[in-house]
Protein backbone atom coordinates (compact mmCIF):
# COMPACT_ATOMS: atom_id res chain seq x y z
CA MET A 1 -56.73 46.31 -32.18
CA ASN A 2 -55.24 49.57 -30.99
CA LEU A 3 -57.04 52.44 -29.34
CA PRO A 4 -57.55 55.50 -31.59
CA ASP A 5 -54.97 58.27 -31.20
CA TRP A 6 -57.70 60.76 -30.28
CA TRP A 7 -59.09 58.60 -27.44
CA PRO A 8 -57.92 60.35 -24.22
CA HIS A 9 -57.99 57.28 -21.96
CA ASP A 10 -55.64 54.35 -21.43
CA LYS A 11 -58.44 51.77 -21.63
CA PRO A 12 -61.28 51.41 -24.15
CA TYR A 13 -63.69 52.65 -21.50
CA ALA A 14 -63.74 55.43 -18.93
CA ILE A 15 -65.66 55.58 -15.66
CA MET A 16 -67.23 59.02 -15.97
CA ASP A 17 -70.33 60.94 -17.01
CA CYS A 18 -70.77 60.31 -20.73
CA LEU A 19 -71.76 63.89 -21.52
CA ILE A 20 -68.47 65.11 -20.08
CA GLY A 21 -66.60 62.32 -21.86
CA MET A 22 -68.21 62.84 -25.26
CA LYS A 23 -67.49 66.56 -25.18
CA GLU A 24 -63.77 65.68 -25.14
CA LEU A 25 -64.08 63.80 -28.45
CA PRO A 26 -63.65 65.31 -31.93
CA ASP A 27 -66.50 65.64 -34.42
CA LYS A 28 -67.44 62.52 -36.43
CA CYS A 29 -64.70 60.45 -34.80
CA VAL A 30 -66.67 57.21 -34.43
CA ASP A 31 -68.51 55.12 -37.01
CA LEU A 32 -71.49 54.24 -34.82
CA VAL A 33 -72.91 55.25 -31.45
CA LEU A 34 -74.92 52.37 -30.02
CA THR A 35 -76.41 52.66 -26.55
CA ASP A 36 -79.14 51.70 -24.11
CA PRO A 37 -79.59 54.60 -21.67
CA PRO A 38 -81.71 54.52 -18.51
CA TYR A 39 -85.44 54.78 -19.29
CA ASN A 40 -86.41 56.94 -16.28
CA LEU A 41 -88.35 54.07 -14.70
CA GLY A 42 -86.87 54.41 -11.23
CA ILE A 43 -84.54 51.42 -11.57
CA ASN A 44 -81.65 51.34 -9.10
CA TYR A 45 -78.52 51.40 -11.26
CA GLY A 46 -76.36 52.73 -8.43
CA GLU A 47 -75.84 55.92 -6.47
CA LEU A 48 -74.50 57.93 -9.40
CA THR A 49 -77.39 57.24 -11.82
CA ASP A 50 -80.64 59.18 -11.44
CA ASP A 51 -83.34 57.08 -13.13
CA ASN A 52 -86.13 59.36 -11.94
CA ARG A 53 -85.20 62.68 -13.53
CA ASP A 54 -87.56 65.64 -13.82
CA ASP A 55 -85.45 66.87 -16.74
CA TYR A 56 -85.29 63.49 -18.50
CA GLU A 57 -86.47 64.70 -21.93
CA ASP A 58 -83.97 67.56 -22.05
CA TRP A 59 -81.21 65.23 -20.82
CA PHE A 60 -82.11 62.63 -23.47
CA ILE A 61 -82.06 65.27 -26.20
CA GLU A 62 -78.58 66.36 -25.06
CA ILE A 63 -77.40 62.74 -25.28
CA VAL A 64 -78.76 62.48 -28.83
CA THR A 65 -77.28 65.82 -29.88
CA GLU A 66 -73.81 64.97 -28.62
CA SER A 67 -73.99 61.47 -30.13
CA MET A 68 -74.86 62.90 -33.54
CA ARG A 69 -71.97 65.33 -33.28
CA ILE A 70 -69.43 62.52 -32.95
CA SER A 71 -71.02 60.08 -35.42
CA ASN A 72 -73.18 59.95 -38.56
CA LYS A 73 -74.86 56.79 -37.27
CA VAL A 74 -76.63 56.66 -33.91
CA ILE A 75 -78.81 53.85 -32.55
CA ILE A 76 -80.56 54.15 -29.19
CA THR A 77 -82.98 51.85 -27.41
CA PRO A 78 -85.22 54.35 -25.55
CA GLY A 79 -87.77 52.01 -23.97
CA ILE A 80 -91.48 51.99 -24.76
CA LYS A 81 -92.18 54.67 -22.14
CA ASN A 82 -90.09 57.13 -24.13
CA ILE A 83 -91.24 56.33 -27.67
CA GLY A 84 -92.96 59.71 -27.77
CA LEU A 85 -89.53 61.37 -27.70
CA ALA A 86 -89.28 60.47 -31.38
CA TYR A 87 -91.28 63.63 -32.06
CA ARG A 88 -88.56 65.72 -30.42
CA VAL A 89 -85.34 63.94 -31.45
CA LYS A 90 -86.64 62.98 -34.93
CA PRO A 91 -84.85 59.71 -35.73
CA ASP A 92 -84.60 58.70 -39.39
CA TRP A 93 -86.52 55.54 -38.50
CA VAL A 94 -87.94 53.62 -35.55
CA GLY A 95 -87.04 49.94 -35.64
CA CYS A 96 -88.27 47.14 -33.44
CA TRP A 97 -86.49 44.84 -31.02
CA TRP A 98 -88.64 41.70 -30.96
CA LYS A 99 -87.99 39.67 -27.82
CA PRO A 100 -89.93 36.41 -28.23
CA ALA A 101 -91.47 34.86 -25.12
CA SER A 102 -90.84 38.02 -23.08
CA MET A 103 -93.46 38.46 -20.37
CA GLY A 104 -93.11 42.14 -19.64
CA HIS A 105 -96.41 43.66 -18.54
CA CYS A 106 -98.20 46.29 -20.63
CA PHE A 107 -101.69 47.79 -21.05
CA VAL A 108 -102.99 44.89 -23.16
CA GLY A 109 -101.21 42.13 -21.24
CA ALA A 110 -97.70 40.99 -22.21
CA CYS A 111 -95.17 43.05 -24.14
CA ASN A 112 -92.49 41.43 -26.29
CA TRP A 113 -91.09 44.34 -28.28
CA GLU A 114 -89.24 47.64 -27.75
CA PRO A 115 -88.53 50.59 -30.06
CA ILE A 116 -85.11 51.34 -31.53
CA PHE A 117 -84.34 54.91 -32.63
CA ILE A 118 -82.14 54.90 -35.73
CA TRP A 119 -80.20 57.74 -37.34
CA GLY A 120 -78.21 56.79 -40.43
CA LYS A 121 -78.38 53.87 -42.84
CA ALA A 122 -77.39 50.24 -42.54
CA ASN A 123 -74.69 48.82 -44.79
CA ASN A 124 -77.34 47.12 -46.94
CA GLN A 125 -81.12 46.89 -47.11
CA ILE A 126 -82.33 45.16 -43.93
CA CYS A 127 -85.51 44.28 -42.09
CA ASP A 128 -86.29 46.81 -39.36
CA VAL A 129 -87.13 44.08 -36.84
CA PHE A 130 -84.26 42.73 -34.72
CA ARG A 131 -85.06 39.39 -33.10
CA ALA A 132 -83.22 38.70 -29.83
CA PRO A 133 -84.78 36.66 -27.02
CA ILE A 134 -83.93 37.59 -23.46
CA VAL A 135 -81.81 34.77 -22.07
CA PRO A 136 -79.96 34.46 -18.77
CA ASP A 137 -76.35 35.62 -19.01
CA GLU A 138 -74.21 34.81 -16.00
CA THR A 139 -71.39 37.03 -17.30
CA ALA A 140 -73.58 40.13 -16.83
CA GLU A 141 -74.62 39.35 -13.26
CA GLY A 142 -74.60 42.46 -11.11
CA HIS A 143 -76.39 44.70 -13.61
CA PRO A 144 -80.18 45.02 -13.28
CA CYS A 145 -81.13 44.89 -16.98
CA PRO A 146 -78.37 44.03 -19.49
CA LYS A 147 -79.33 43.84 -23.16
CA PRO A 148 -78.90 40.46 -24.92
CA ILE A 149 -75.51 40.15 -26.57
CA ASN A 150 -77.12 38.85 -29.77
CA LEU A 151 -79.19 42.03 -30.15
CA PHE A 152 -76.09 44.21 -30.18
CA ILE A 153 -74.13 41.80 -32.38
CA ASP A 154 -76.96 41.95 -34.93
CA ILE A 155 -77.15 45.75 -34.89
CA ILE A 156 -73.38 46.23 -35.03
CA SER A 157 -73.03 43.77 -37.91
CA LYS A 158 -75.69 45.56 -39.97
CA PHE A 159 -74.67 49.16 -39.29
CA SER A 160 -70.87 48.96 -39.31
CA SER A 161 -67.93 47.10 -40.84
CA GLU A 162 -64.97 45.22 -39.41
CA GLY A 163 -62.43 47.62 -37.97
CA ASP A 164 -64.99 50.37 -37.37
CA ILE A 165 -65.10 52.29 -34.11
CA ILE A 166 -68.25 51.86 -32.00
CA LEU A 167 -68.95 53.99 -28.92
CA ASP A 168 -71.46 53.28 -26.14
CA PRO A 169 -72.08 56.21 -23.77
CA PHE A 170 -73.86 53.92 -21.26
CA LEU A 171 -71.74 50.78 -21.07
CA GLY A 172 -73.49 49.23 -18.09
CA SER A 173 -72.41 45.59 -18.09
CA GLY A 174 -70.13 46.04 -21.11
CA THR A 175 -72.33 44.27 -23.67
CA THR A 176 -71.30 46.62 -26.45
CA LEU A 177 -67.58 46.08 -25.85
CA LEU A 178 -68.08 42.33 -25.87
CA ALA A 179 -70.18 42.49 -29.06
CA CYS A 180 -67.50 44.63 -30.73
CA ARG A 181 -64.72 42.20 -29.92
CA LYS A 182 -66.83 39.29 -31.18
CA THR A 183 -67.37 41.14 -34.50
CA ASN A 184 -63.85 42.62 -34.94
CA ARG A 185 -64.80 46.21 -34.20
CA ILE A 186 -63.09 48.70 -31.89
CA GLY A 187 -65.41 49.22 -28.94
CA LEU A 188 -65.21 52.30 -26.72
CA GLY A 189 -67.49 53.66 -24.05
CA PHE A 190 -68.33 55.43 -20.84
CA GLU A 191 -69.95 54.23 -17.63
CA ILE A 192 -70.67 56.52 -14.71
CA ASN A 193 -71.00 53.83 -12.04
CA PRO A 194 -67.66 52.39 -10.87
CA GLU A 195 -69.38 49.29 -9.41
CA TYR A 196 -69.88 48.00 -12.97
CA GLU A 197 -66.20 48.23 -13.91
CA PRO A 198 -65.37 44.67 -12.77
CA ILE A 199 -68.17 43.32 -15.01
CA ILE A 200 -66.97 45.42 -17.95
CA ARG A 201 -63.38 44.25 -17.49
CA LYS A 202 -64.34 40.61 -17.11
CA ARG A 203 -66.52 40.59 -20.22
CA GLY A 204 -63.97 42.46 -22.32
CA MET A 205 -60.77 40.81 -21.13
CA ASP A 206 -61.91 37.20 -21.07
CA GLU A 207 -60.66 35.54 -24.25
CA GLU A 208 -62.64 32.36 -23.65
CA LEU A 209 -65.83 34.42 -23.38
CA ILE A 210 -65.04 36.38 -26.53
CA ASN A 211 -64.49 33.15 -28.45
CA GLY A 212 -67.88 31.86 -27.41
CA LYS A 213 -66.76 29.37 -24.78
CA TRP A 214 -68.82 29.92 -21.66
CA HIS A 215 -66.63 27.94 -19.23
CA GLN A 216 -63.01 27.59 -18.18
CA LYS A 217 -62.47 31.32 -18.61
CA GLN A 218 -58.90 32.60 -18.66
CA LYS A 219 -58.21 36.28 -18.04
CA GLN A 220 -55.79 38.23 -20.17
CA GLN A 221 -53.11 40.27 -18.46
CA GLU A 222 -53.50 43.17 -20.87
CA TRP A 223 -56.71 44.74 -22.06
CA TRP A 224 -56.02 45.39 -25.71
């Protein structure tokens, strides 16, 4: 698949601040924005990511506003800590990521779900619970908390069609690009931390990985 004519970069991703990058894009140019931003929990994502922001709510609102400018469909996983932001950003619906057997700690003991903010409709009537266990993924090693590939494949499949353009402002380990290539979508994105670029390239350029073979990987010489 070819990059869109309006995309100002020579690869499907750019290493830069996503707010700067999104402001360069035309209105309603992508079919879906899907992303998992930092949750402001103090996680070390690298020197260029501040995950302990005093202005987090205003920053999050700016991310949502710019995402809605470039797409009619926006899906964001905000983390349980930030579920109260729904009252400010007003998603059309709040779905649920159910992660069976997860042992995250919470007030009542163990937590095995997270909210999903949804703007826009799915292709068909769906259940608002997305089941995706957290499983080890050696291809995402080097990133502190990558989302399961099956979660993003499920969301992309239900909220877009083959050939659609999906943009992730916080690429991280490149899960969205990999999910797009597995589902025949055009994946684009931004990532501010250059240390994650080798992971993004490996997961997007590895044809064996894209085809579901998790060994004997063979790199492509060209990205697209």
